[in-house]
């Protein structure tokens, strides 16, 4: 009877911890979203930051729940494993775009001023950053293309009639 009561109390604690984690994640994400909107932060970047904070809170809460639910050593190892898995999934696109950005800059396959067509996008490159390339279309639209898109899709580039300064892009980013 006492063991059944202990198990019931343990389940109540676990459910309360899960509900608390969800509540804290939602409160943090809403507060951060309001703060970023009041600072006229770029909408897409703000949404990504809010999403990262929300899922990060879930990961930390889940890790703490696992640590305190199981034996401390087993719980710690399992919790850290889940945390590493969550971080890996959360940052997969960021790491992919970062690595692709380095590849684009080092290989100099495209440079600022090039007229390119990659997938559905076509325009002149006006900026290359470590994670994205900015194109200006013929209609004057600005398109932000993740650098991984340049590695995963065929790219056509018009040949330059005059030589270009390939170091220009890298120097603007402060890498060199």
N, C-alpha and C. Protein backbone atom coordinates (compact mmCIF):
# COMPACT_ATOMS: atom_id res chain seq x y z
N UNK A 1 0.82 -1.18 0.00
CA UNK A 1 0.00 0.00 0.00
C UNK A 1 0.87 1.26 0.00
N UNK A 2 1.91 1.25 0.84
CA UNK A 2 2.80 2.41 0.92
C UNK A 2 3.58 2.57 -0.38
N UNK A 3 3.93 1.46 -1.01
CA UNK A 3 4.66 1.52 -2.28
C UNK A 3 3.78 2.09 -3.39
N UNK A 4 2.50 1.72 -3.38
CA UNK A 4 1.58 2.24 -4.38
C UNK A 4 1.38 3.75 -4.19
N UNK A 5 1.33 4.20 -2.96
CA UNK A 5 1.20 5.62 -2.67
C UNK A 5 2.45 6.38 -3.14
N UNK A 6 3.63 5.78 -2.91
CA UNK A 6 4.88 6.39 -3.37
C UNK A 6 4.89 6.52 -4.90
N UNK A 7 4.45 5.47 -5.60
CA UNK A 7 4.39 5.52 -7.06
C UNK A 7 3.41 6.57 -7.55
N UNK A 8 2.28 6.69 -6.89
CA UNK A 8 1.29 7.70 -7.27
C UNK A 8 1.85 9.10 -7.07
N UNK A 9 2.50 9.32 -5.95
CA UNK A 9 3.11 10.63 -5.68
C UNK A 9 4.20 10.92 -6.71
N UNK A 10 4.99 9.92 -7.05
CA UNK A 10 6.05 10.10 -8.04
C UNK A 10 5.47 10.50 -9.40
N UNK A 11 4.37 9.84 -9.83
CA UNK A 11 3.73 10.19 -11.10
C UNK A 11 3.14 11.59 -11.07
N UNK A 12 2.58 11.98 -9.94
CA UNK A 12 2.05 13.34 -9.81
C UNK A 12 3.18 14.36 -9.93
N UNK A 13 4.32 14.06 -9.32
CA UNK A 13 5.48 14.96 -9.42
C UNK A 13 5.96 15.06 -10.88
N UNK A 14 6.01 13.94 -11.57
CA UNK A 14 6.46 13.94 -12.96
C UNK A 14 5.50 14.75 -13.84
N UNK A 15 4.20 14.52 -13.69
CA UNK A 15 3.21 15.25 -14.48
C UNK A 15 3.26 16.74 -14.17
N UNK A 16 3.43 17.08 -12.89
CA UNK A 16 3.56 18.49 -12.50
C UNK A 16 4.81 19.11 -13.12
N UNK A 17 5.91 18.37 -13.14
CA UNK A 17 7.15 18.88 -13.72
C UNK A 17 6.99 19.09 -15.23
N UNK A 18 6.32 18.18 -15.91
CA UNK A 18 6.10 18.33 -17.35
C UNK A 18 5.22 19.54 -17.62
N UNK A 19 4.13 19.67 -16.87
CA UNK A 19 3.23 20.82 -17.05
C UNK A 19 3.96 22.13 -16.76
N UNK A 20 4.81 22.13 -15.74
CA UNK A 20 5.57 23.33 -15.40
C UNK A 20 6.55 23.70 -16.51
N UNK A 21 7.18 22.70 -17.08
CA UNK A 21 8.11 22.95 -18.18
C UNK A 21 7.39 23.56 -19.36
N UNK A 22 6.24 23.03 -19.72
CA UNK A 22 5.46 23.57 -20.84
C UNK A 22 5.02 25.00 -20.54
N UNK A 23 4.55 25.23 -19.32
CA UNK A 23 4.10 26.57 -18.93
C UNK A 23 5.26 27.58 -18.97
N UNK A 24 6.40 27.21 -18.44
CA UNK A 24 7.57 28.10 -18.44
C UNK A 24 8.02 28.38 -19.86
N UNK A 25 8.05 27.36 -20.72
CA UNK A 25 8.46 27.55 -22.11
C UNK A 25 7.52 28.52 -22.83
N UNK A 26 6.22 28.37 -22.60
CA UNK A 26 5.26 29.27 -23.25
C UNK A 26 5.37 30.70 -22.73
N UNK A 27 5.55 30.86 -21.43
CA UNK A 27 5.70 32.20 -20.86
C UNK A 27 6.96 32.87 -21.39
N UNK A 28 8.08 32.13 -21.39
CA UNK A 28 9.34 32.70 -21.91
C UNK A 28 9.23 33.08 -23.39
N UNK A 29 8.62 32.21 -24.20
CA UNK A 29 8.54 32.49 -25.63
C UNK A 29 7.62 33.68 -25.90
N UNK A 30 6.52 33.81 -25.18
CA UNK A 30 5.63 34.96 -25.37
C UNK A 30 6.29 36.26 -24.94
N UNK A 31 6.97 36.22 -23.79
CA UNK A 31 7.65 37.43 -23.31
C UNK A 31 8.75 37.84 -24.27
N UNK A 32 9.52 36.88 -24.75
CA UNK A 32 10.60 37.18 -25.70
C UNK A 32 10.03 37.70 -27.02
N UNK A 33 8.93 37.12 -27.48
CA UNK A 33 8.29 37.56 -28.71
C UNK A 33 7.84 39.02 -28.59
N UNK A 34 7.22 39.37 -27.47
CA UNK A 34 6.79 40.77 -27.25
C UNK A 34 7.98 41.71 -27.20
N UNK A 35 9.04 41.28 -26.53
CA UNK A 35 10.24 42.12 -26.42
C UNK A 35 10.85 42.37 -27.80
N UNK A 36 10.97 41.32 -28.61
CA UNK A 36 11.56 41.47 -29.93
C UNK A 36 10.68 42.32 -30.85
N UNK A 37 9.35 42.20 -30.73
CA UNK A 37 8.45 43.03 -31.54
C UNK A 37 8.56 44.50 -31.16
N UNK A 38 8.72 44.76 -29.87
CA UNK A 38 8.83 46.15 -29.42
C UNK A 38 10.14 46.78 -29.84
N UNK A 39 11.14 45.98 -30.13
CA UNK A 39 12.45 46.48 -30.56
C UNK A 39 12.58 46.51 -32.08
N UNK A 40 11.48 46.28 -32.79
CA UNK A 40 11.45 46.21 -34.26
C UNK A 40 12.55 45.30 -34.80
N UNK A 41 12.64 44.12 -34.21
CA UNK A 41 13.58 43.08 -34.60
C UNK A 41 13.06 42.41 -35.87
N UNK A 42 13.93 41.95 -36.79
CA UNK A 42 13.44 41.27 -37.99
C UNK A 42 12.55 40.08 -37.63
N UNK A 43 11.41 39.98 -38.29
CA UNK A 43 10.38 39.01 -37.92
C UNK A 43 10.87 37.57 -38.01
N UNK A 44 11.51 37.21 -39.12
CA UNK A 44 11.97 35.81 -39.29
C UNK A 44 13.01 35.44 -38.25
N UNK A 45 13.95 36.31 -38.03
CA UNK A 45 15.00 36.05 -37.03
C UNK A 45 14.38 35.96 -35.64
N UNK A 46 13.45 36.84 -35.34
CA UNK A 46 12.78 36.81 -34.04
C UNK A 46 12.03 35.51 -33.82
N UNK A 47 11.34 35.03 -34.85
CA UNK A 47 10.61 33.77 -34.73
C UNK A 47 11.56 32.61 -34.46
N UNK A 48 12.71 32.64 -35.14
CA UNK A 48 13.70 31.56 -34.91
C UNK A 48 14.23 31.60 -33.49
N UNK A 49 14.53 32.80 -33.01
CA UNK A 49 15.06 32.93 -31.65
C UNK A 49 14.03 32.44 -30.64
N UNK A 50 12.76 32.84 -30.82
CA UNK A 50 11.69 32.42 -29.91
C UNK A 50 11.55 30.90 -29.94
N UNK A 51 11.61 30.31 -31.14
CA UNK A 51 11.50 28.86 -31.27
C UNK A 51 12.66 28.16 -30.57
N UNK A 52 13.87 28.69 -30.74
CA UNK A 52 15.05 28.09 -30.09
C UNK A 52 14.91 28.15 -28.57
N UNK A 53 14.45 29.29 -28.05
CA UNK A 53 14.28 29.42 -26.59
C UNK A 53 13.21 28.45 -26.10
N UNK A 54 12.11 28.34 -26.85
CA UNK A 54 11.03 27.45 -26.43
C UNK A 54 11.50 25.99 -26.40
N UNK A 55 12.12 25.53 -27.49
CA UNK A 55 12.57 24.14 -27.53
C UNK A 55 13.75 23.91 -26.59
N UNK A 56 14.57 24.92 -26.40
CA UNK A 56 15.65 24.80 -25.42
C UNK A 56 15.11 24.62 -24.01
N UNK A 57 14.04 25.35 -23.69
CA UNK A 57 13.40 25.20 -22.38
C UNK A 57 12.81 23.80 -22.24
N UNK A 58 12.18 23.30 -23.31
CA UNK A 58 11.67 21.93 -23.27
C UNK A 58 12.81 20.93 -23.03
N UNK A 59 13.92 21.13 -23.72
CA UNK A 59 15.05 20.20 -23.59
C UNK A 59 15.62 20.24 -22.18
N UNK A 60 15.80 21.44 -21.64
CA UNK A 60 16.35 21.55 -20.29
C UNK A 60 15.38 20.97 -19.27
N UNK A 61 14.10 21.30 -19.41
CA UNK A 61 13.09 20.75 -18.48
C UNK A 61 13.02 19.24 -18.57
N UNK A 62 13.02 18.71 -19.79
CA UNK A 62 12.98 17.26 -19.96
C UNK A 62 14.21 16.58 -19.39
N UNK A 63 15.35 17.22 -19.57
CA UNK A 63 16.59 16.68 -19.02
C UNK A 63 16.54 16.64 -17.50
N UNK A 64 16.07 17.73 -16.90
CA UNK A 64 15.96 17.77 -15.43
C UNK A 64 14.96 16.75 -14.91
N UNK A 65 13.86 16.57 -15.63
CA UNK A 65 12.87 15.57 -15.22
C UNK A 65 13.48 14.18 -15.24
N UNK A 66 14.21 13.85 -16.30
CA UNK A 66 14.84 12.53 -16.41
C UNK A 66 15.88 12.35 -15.31
N UNK A 67 16.69 13.40 -15.06
CA UNK A 67 17.74 13.31 -14.04
C UNK A 67 17.15 13.03 -12.67
N UNK A 68 16.09 13.73 -12.32
CA UNK A 68 15.53 13.57 -10.98
C UNK A 68 14.55 12.42 -10.85
N UNK A 69 14.11 11.86 -11.97
CA UNK A 69 13.19 10.73 -11.93
C UNK A 69 13.93 9.41 -11.73
N UNK A 70 15.03 9.25 -12.42
CA UNK A 70 15.79 8.00 -12.34
C UNK A 70 16.93 8.14 -11.34
N UNK A 71 17.66 7.06 -11.18
CA UNK A 71 18.87 7.07 -10.39
C UNK A 71 19.76 8.20 -10.92
N UNK A 72 20.45 8.92 -10.06
CA UNK A 72 21.14 10.15 -10.46
C UNK A 72 22.11 9.93 -11.61
N UNK A 73 22.97 8.91 -11.55
CA UNK A 73 23.96 8.68 -12.61
C UNK A 73 23.28 8.30 -13.92
N UNK A 74 22.36 7.35 -13.87
CA UNK A 74 21.65 6.92 -15.08
C UNK A 74 20.83 8.08 -15.63
N UNK A 75 20.14 8.79 -14.75
CA UNK A 75 19.33 9.93 -15.16
C UNK A 75 20.16 11.02 -15.81
N UNK A 76 21.34 11.29 -15.24
CA UNK A 76 22.22 12.31 -15.80
C UNK A 76 22.69 11.92 -17.20
N UNK A 77 23.11 10.68 -17.36
CA UNK A 77 23.58 10.23 -18.67
C UNK A 77 22.46 10.24 -19.71
N UNK A 78 21.29 9.73 -19.33
CA UNK A 78 20.16 9.72 -20.26
C UNK A 78 19.73 11.15 -20.58
N UNK A 79 19.67 11.99 -19.56
CA UNK A 79 19.27 13.38 -19.76
C UNK A 79 20.24 14.13 -20.66
N UNK A 80 21.52 13.94 -20.44
CA UNK A 80 22.51 14.61 -21.31
C UNK A 80 22.45 14.08 -22.74
N UNK A 81 22.15 12.80 -22.88
CA UNK A 81 21.98 12.23 -24.22
C UNK A 81 20.81 12.88 -24.95
N UNK A 82 19.67 13.01 -24.26
CA UNK A 82 18.51 13.67 -24.85
C UNK A 82 18.80 15.13 -25.17
N UNK A 83 19.51 15.80 -24.27
CA UNK A 83 19.84 17.20 -24.49
C UNK A 83 20.73 17.35 -25.73
N UNK A 84 21.73 16.49 -25.85
CA UNK A 84 22.59 16.53 -27.02
C UNK A 84 21.83 16.24 -28.31
N UNK A 85 20.91 15.31 -28.25
CA UNK A 85 20.08 14.98 -29.41
C UNK A 85 19.20 16.17 -29.79
N UNK A 86 18.59 16.81 -28.80
CA UNK A 86 17.73 17.96 -29.06
C UNK A 86 18.53 19.12 -29.66
N UNK A 87 19.70 19.38 -29.11
CA UNK A 87 20.55 20.45 -29.63
C UNK A 87 20.99 20.13 -31.06
N UNK A 88 21.34 18.87 -31.31
CA UNK A 88 21.75 18.46 -32.65
C UNK A 88 20.66 18.66 -33.67
N UNK A 89 19.42 18.26 -33.33
CA UNK A 89 18.30 18.46 -34.25
C UNK A 89 18.00 19.94 -34.42
N UNK A 90 18.06 20.69 -33.34
CA UNK A 90 17.74 22.11 -33.40
C UNK A 90 18.72 22.93 -34.22
N UNK A 91 19.98 22.54 -34.19
CA UNK A 91 21.00 23.31 -34.88
C UNK A 91 21.44 22.71 -36.21
N UNK A 92 20.77 21.67 -36.67
CA UNK A 92 21.19 21.00 -37.90
C UNK A 92 21.21 21.95 -39.09
N UNK A 93 20.15 22.73 -39.28
CA UNK A 93 20.10 23.67 -40.41
C UNK A 93 21.12 24.78 -40.26
N UNK A 94 21.28 25.27 -39.05
CA UNK A 94 22.25 26.35 -38.82
C UNK A 94 23.66 25.87 -39.15
N UNK A 95 24.00 24.69 -38.67
CA UNK A 95 25.33 24.13 -38.94
C UNK A 95 25.50 23.86 -40.43
N UNK A 96 24.46 23.34 -41.07
CA UNK A 96 24.52 23.07 -42.51
C UNK A 96 24.75 24.36 -43.29
N UNK A 97 24.02 25.43 -42.97
CA UNK A 97 24.19 26.70 -43.67
C UNK A 97 25.54 27.34 -43.37
N UNK A 98 26.01 27.18 -42.15
CA UNK A 98 27.33 27.71 -41.78
C UNK A 98 28.43 27.03 -42.58
N UNK A 99 28.40 25.70 -42.63
CA UNK A 99 29.41 24.95 -43.39
C UNK A 99 29.32 25.27 -44.87
N UNK A 100 28.10 25.39 -45.39
CA UNK A 100 27.93 25.72 -46.81
C UNK A 100 28.43 27.14 -47.08
N UNK A 101 28.22 28.06 -46.14
CA UNK A 101 28.70 29.43 -46.31
C UNK A 101 30.21 29.48 -46.40
N UNK A 102 30.87 28.72 -45.55
CA UNK A 102 32.33 28.67 -45.61
C UNK A 102 32.77 28.09 -46.96
N UNK A 103 32.09 27.04 -47.41
CA UNK A 103 32.43 26.43 -48.70
C UNK A 103 32.22 27.41 -49.85
N UNK A 104 31.12 28.14 -49.85
CA UNK A 104 30.85 29.11 -50.91
C UNK A 104 31.92 30.20 -50.92
N UNK A 105 32.31 30.68 -49.74
CA UNK A 105 33.29 31.75 -49.66
C UNK A 105 34.70 31.28 -50.03
N UNK A 106 35.05 30.09 -49.59
CA UNK A 106 36.40 29.58 -49.87
C UNK A 106 36.53 29.17 -51.33
N UNK A 107 35.54 28.47 -51.87
CA UNK A 107 35.59 28.02 -53.26
C UNK A 107 35.39 29.15 -54.26
N UNK A 108 34.81 30.25 -53.80
CA UNK A 108 34.54 31.41 -54.66
C UNK A 108 33.73 31.00 -55.89
N UNK A 109 32.82 30.05 -55.70
CA UNK A 109 31.98 29.62 -56.81
C UNK A 109 31.05 30.72 -57.27
N UNK A 110 30.63 31.56 -56.35
CA UNK A 110 29.85 32.76 -56.68
C UNK A 110 30.39 33.90 -55.83
N UNK A 111 30.31 35.12 -56.37
CA UNK A 111 30.78 36.30 -55.64
C UNK A 111 29.76 37.41 -55.80
N UNK A 112 29.89 38.45 -54.98
CA UNK A 112 29.01 39.60 -55.07
C UNK A 112 29.09 40.18 -56.48
N UNK A 113 27.93 40.46 -57.06
CA UNK A 113 27.87 41.01 -58.41
C UNK A 113 27.54 39.97 -59.47
N UNK A 114 27.65 38.69 -59.11
CA UNK A 114 27.33 37.63 -60.07
C UNK A 114 25.82 37.58 -60.32
N UNK A 115 25.45 37.33 -61.56
CA UNK A 115 24.06 37.03 -61.90
C UNK A 115 23.94 35.51 -61.86
N UNK A 116 23.08 35.01 -60.98
CA UNK A 116 22.98 33.57 -60.77
C UNK A 116 21.53 33.11 -60.88
N UNK A 117 21.40 31.82 -61.12
CA UNK A 117 20.12 31.14 -61.06
C UNK A 117 20.36 29.87 -60.26
N UNK A 118 19.66 29.74 -59.14
CA UNK A 118 19.80 28.57 -58.28
C UNK A 118 18.39 28.13 -57.89
N UNK A 119 18.01 26.92 -58.32
CA UNK A 119 16.65 26.45 -58.06
C UNK A 119 15.63 27.39 -58.66
N UNK A 120 14.70 27.87 -57.84
CA UNK A 120 13.65 28.78 -58.29
C UNK A 120 14.10 30.23 -58.30
N UNK A 121 15.25 30.52 -57.75
CA UNK A 121 15.69 31.89 -57.56
C UNK A 121 16.65 32.34 -58.66
N UNK A 122 16.47 33.58 -59.09
CA UNK A 122 17.34 34.14 -60.11
C UNK A 122 17.54 35.62 -59.79
N UNK A 123 18.79 36.06 -59.82
CA UNK A 123 19.06 37.46 -59.56
C UNK A 123 20.55 37.72 -59.40
N UNK A 124 20.86 38.96 -59.03
CA UNK A 124 22.24 39.39 -58.82
C UNK A 124 22.57 39.28 -57.34
N UNK A 125 23.73 38.71 -57.03
CA UNK A 125 24.16 38.58 -55.64
C UNK A 125 24.60 39.95 -55.15
N UNK A 126 23.97 40.40 -54.04
CA UNK A 126 24.35 41.69 -53.47
C UNK A 126 25.11 41.54 -52.15
N UNK A 127 25.01 40.35 -51.55
CA UNK A 127 25.74 40.13 -50.29
C UNK A 127 25.84 38.63 -50.03
N UNK A 128 26.98 38.21 -49.51
CA UNK A 128 27.17 36.83 -49.08
C UNK A 128 27.59 36.87 -47.62
N UNK A 129 26.80 36.20 -46.77
CA UNK A 129 27.16 36.11 -45.35
C UNK A 129 27.52 34.67 -45.05
N UNK A 130 27.83 34.41 -43.82
CA UNK A 130 28.27 33.08 -43.42
C UNK A 130 27.14 32.05 -43.49
N UNK A 131 25.86 32.50 -43.41
CA UNK A 131 24.75 31.56 -43.44
C UNK A 131 23.81 31.74 -44.63
N UNK A 132 23.84 32.90 -45.29
CA UNK A 132 22.91 33.12 -46.39
C UNK A 132 23.53 34.01 -47.46
N UNK A 133 22.93 33.95 -48.65
CA UNK A 133 23.31 34.81 -49.76
C UNK A 133 22.10 35.64 -50.12
N UNK A 134 22.32 36.93 -50.33
CA UNK A 134 21.22 37.85 -50.63
C UNK A 134 21.24 38.15 -52.12
N UNK A 135 20.09 37.88 -52.77
CA UNK A 135 19.94 38.13 -54.20
C UNK A 135 18.95 39.28 -54.41
N UNK A 136 19.20 40.05 -55.47
CA UNK A 136 18.22 41.04 -55.91
C UNK A 136 17.72 40.59 -57.27
N UNK A 137 16.41 40.37 -57.36
CA UNK A 137 15.84 39.89 -58.61
C UNK A 137 15.72 41.03 -59.61
N UNK A 138 15.36 40.71 -60.83
CA UNK A 138 15.16 41.72 -61.86
C UNK A 138 14.02 42.67 -61.52
N UNK A 139 13.07 42.21 -60.69
CA UNK A 139 11.95 43.04 -60.26
C UNK A 139 12.29 43.91 -59.07
N UNK A 140 13.52 43.80 -58.56
CA UNK A 140 13.93 44.59 -57.40
C UNK A 140 13.62 43.93 -56.07
N UNK A 141 13.13 42.69 -56.09
CA UNK A 141 12.87 41.97 -54.83
C UNK A 141 14.19 41.50 -54.23
N UNK A 142 14.22 41.47 -52.91
CA UNK A 142 15.38 40.94 -52.19
C UNK A 142 15.03 39.53 -51.73
N UNK A 143 15.89 38.57 -52.04
CA UNK A 143 15.66 37.17 -51.68
C UNK A 143 16.84 36.71 -50.84
N UNK A 144 16.55 36.12 -49.69
CA UNK A 144 17.57 35.56 -48.81
C UNK A 144 17.60 34.06 -49.04
N UNK A 145 18.69 33.57 -49.60
CA UNK A 145 18.83 32.16 -49.94
C UNK A 145 19.83 31.52 -48.98
N UNK A 146 19.42 30.48 -48.24
CA UNK A 146 20.37 29.80 -47.37
C UNK A 146 21.53 29.23 -48.19
N UNK A 147 22.72 29.31 -47.66
CA UNK A 147 23.90 28.86 -48.41
C UNK A 147 23.86 27.37 -48.71
N UNK A 148 23.20 26.58 -47.88
CA UNK A 148 23.11 25.15 -48.17
C UNK A 148 22.35 24.91 -49.46
N UNK A 149 21.48 25.83 -49.85
CA UNK A 149 20.75 25.74 -51.11
C UNK A 149 21.70 25.77 -52.30
N UNK A 150 22.80 26.52 -52.16
CA UNK A 150 23.79 26.60 -53.24
C UNK A 150 24.55 25.29 -53.40
N UNK A 151 24.68 24.53 -52.33
CA UNK A 151 25.39 23.25 -52.43
C UNK A 151 24.48 22.11 -52.85
N UNK A 152 23.18 22.22 -52.55
CA UNK A 152 22.24 21.13 -52.82
C UNK A 152 21.50 21.27 -54.14
N UNK A 153 21.68 22.39 -54.84
CA UNK A 153 20.97 22.63 -56.10
C UNK A 153 21.96 23.09 -57.17
N UNK A 154 21.63 22.81 -58.43
CA UNK A 154 22.49 23.31 -59.51
C UNK A 154 22.48 24.84 -59.54
N UNK A 155 23.64 25.43 -59.79
CA UNK A 155 23.78 26.87 -59.85
C UNK A 155 24.31 27.25 -61.22
N UNK A 156 23.62 28.19 -61.87
CA UNK A 156 24.17 28.71 -63.13
C UNK A 156 24.58 30.16 -62.88
N UNK A 157 25.76 30.51 -63.39
CA UNK A 157 26.32 31.84 -63.16
C UNK A 157 26.76 32.40 -64.50
N UNK A 158 26.42 33.66 -64.74
CA UNK A 158 26.87 34.30 -65.97
C UNK A 158 28.34 34.64 -65.85
N UNK A 159 29.06 34.45 -66.93
CA UNK A 159 30.49 34.71 -66.95
C UNK A 159 30.74 36.22 -66.90
N UNK A 160 31.73 36.62 -66.11
CA UNK A 160 32.12 38.03 -66.00
C UNK A 160 32.95 38.45 -67.20
N UNK A 161 32.67 39.63 -67.72
CA UNK A 161 33.48 40.15 -68.82
C UNK A 161 34.77 40.76 -68.30
N UNK A 162 34.73 41.23 -67.06
CA UNK A 162 35.93 41.80 -66.45
C UNK A 162 36.20 41.04 -65.15
N UNK A 163 37.45 40.98 -64.71
CA UNK A 163 37.78 40.21 -63.50
C UNK A 163 37.09 40.79 -62.27
N UNK A 164 36.77 39.90 -61.33
CA UNK A 164 36.14 40.34 -60.07
C UNK A 164 37.12 40.16 -58.93
N UNK A 165 36.89 40.90 -57.88
CA UNK A 165 37.72 40.79 -56.68
C UNK A 165 37.10 39.75 -55.76
N UNK A 166 37.64 38.53 -55.76
CA UNK A 166 37.06 37.44 -54.98
C UNK A 166 37.20 37.65 -53.48
N UNK A 167 38.16 38.45 -53.04
CA UNK A 167 38.35 38.66 -51.61
C UNK A 167 37.30 39.62 -51.05
N UNK A 168 36.58 40.32 -51.92
CA UNK A 168 35.62 41.34 -51.49
C UNK A 168 34.60 40.80 -50.50
N UNK A 169 34.00 39.62 -50.80
CA UNK A 169 32.97 39.05 -49.94
C UNK A 169 33.51 38.69 -48.57
N UNK A 170 34.65 38.06 -48.55
CA UNK A 170 35.21 37.59 -47.30
C UNK A 170 35.63 38.77 -46.42
N UNK A 171 36.20 39.80 -47.00
CA UNK A 171 36.61 40.96 -46.22
C UNK A 171 35.41 41.67 -45.60
N UNK A 172 34.28 41.72 -46.32
CA UNK A 172 33.09 42.36 -45.76
C UNK A 172 32.60 41.63 -44.53
N UNK A 173 32.74 40.33 -44.49
CA UNK A 173 32.29 39.56 -43.35
C UNK A 173 33.26 39.62 -42.18
N UNK A 174 34.43 40.18 -42.38
CA UNK A 174 35.40 40.27 -41.30
C UNK A 174 36.14 38.98 -41.04
N UNK A 175 36.13 38.06 -42.00
CA UNK A 175 36.81 36.78 -41.80
C UNK A 175 38.29 36.92 -42.05
N UNK A 176 38.67 37.74 -43.03
CA UNK A 176 40.08 37.91 -43.37
C UNK A 176 40.60 39.18 -42.72
